[in-house]
Structure formats: C-alpha cells, structure tokens
Amino acid sequence: MESFVLECILCCQVNEIAWNTTGEIFFLTTGNAPKDNLFPFYVLDLNQEKLDPDSLQVIFHKLYFTWLKTTPQGLTCMANVGTLEVLDYPSLRVLHTLMAHTAGCLTKE
C-alpha cells in the first residue's frame, strides 16, 4: 500500500524505498531512464523535495540505510553500472564507491 500511495503522489514508478530509523523520511528511486531520480520524501509534513537530477548519473536499483555504531549513518545505493555507492546521510555526499556485482549484494562489511 505504501508503494501505491507514493506512486500516486509522485506520478511515476517507484522502484526502491528505504527509510531511516525514526521513520520520518523515506528515500525512493523512480524508474525514469536514462537515470533515476532519488527523492527524499518526508512523511511527517509530506514535503516532497527533489534532488538535483544532474547529480545522479546512474540508475540506483537498491537502497539501504547503514546503521553502524562505529561509523556515521549512511545510505547505500546499488547502481546498475556495477558499483555500490555509500552516501553520507543526510548530505548524500559520496563516501565510497565499491566495484561489485550489485545483483548479489545484500550486505557489506
């Protein structure tokens, strides 16, 4: 049901949804080729803010928040070009780019 509601609000296909531990913000990707738009979607006030689309050059097909006590909170994005991008949260600045076959990546250490 969440996916359906978000699709109706954004008027586009929603591929992946990830949320932070407080449940106040959802990140989602849309299926718009040739590159995805990564939307921060704030649940409490329903304020939809679109990131600069030129900052994203690839399609992200998996999104995961990372929650480690020893490192800052991050957002892991698997891209369709064979990379795993680890982004700082909430700035979304790229922290690491790992070369990996992303179809099989579900966890990282």
Foldseek 3Di string as FASTA:
>chain_A
DVQVVVCVVVVFHWQEWEADPVRQWIWTWGDDPPEIWIWIAGDPVRDTDTDDPVVTDFHFRYWYWDDDPVDAIWIWTHTPVQWIFTAHPPVRHTDDIHRHRPVPDDDDD
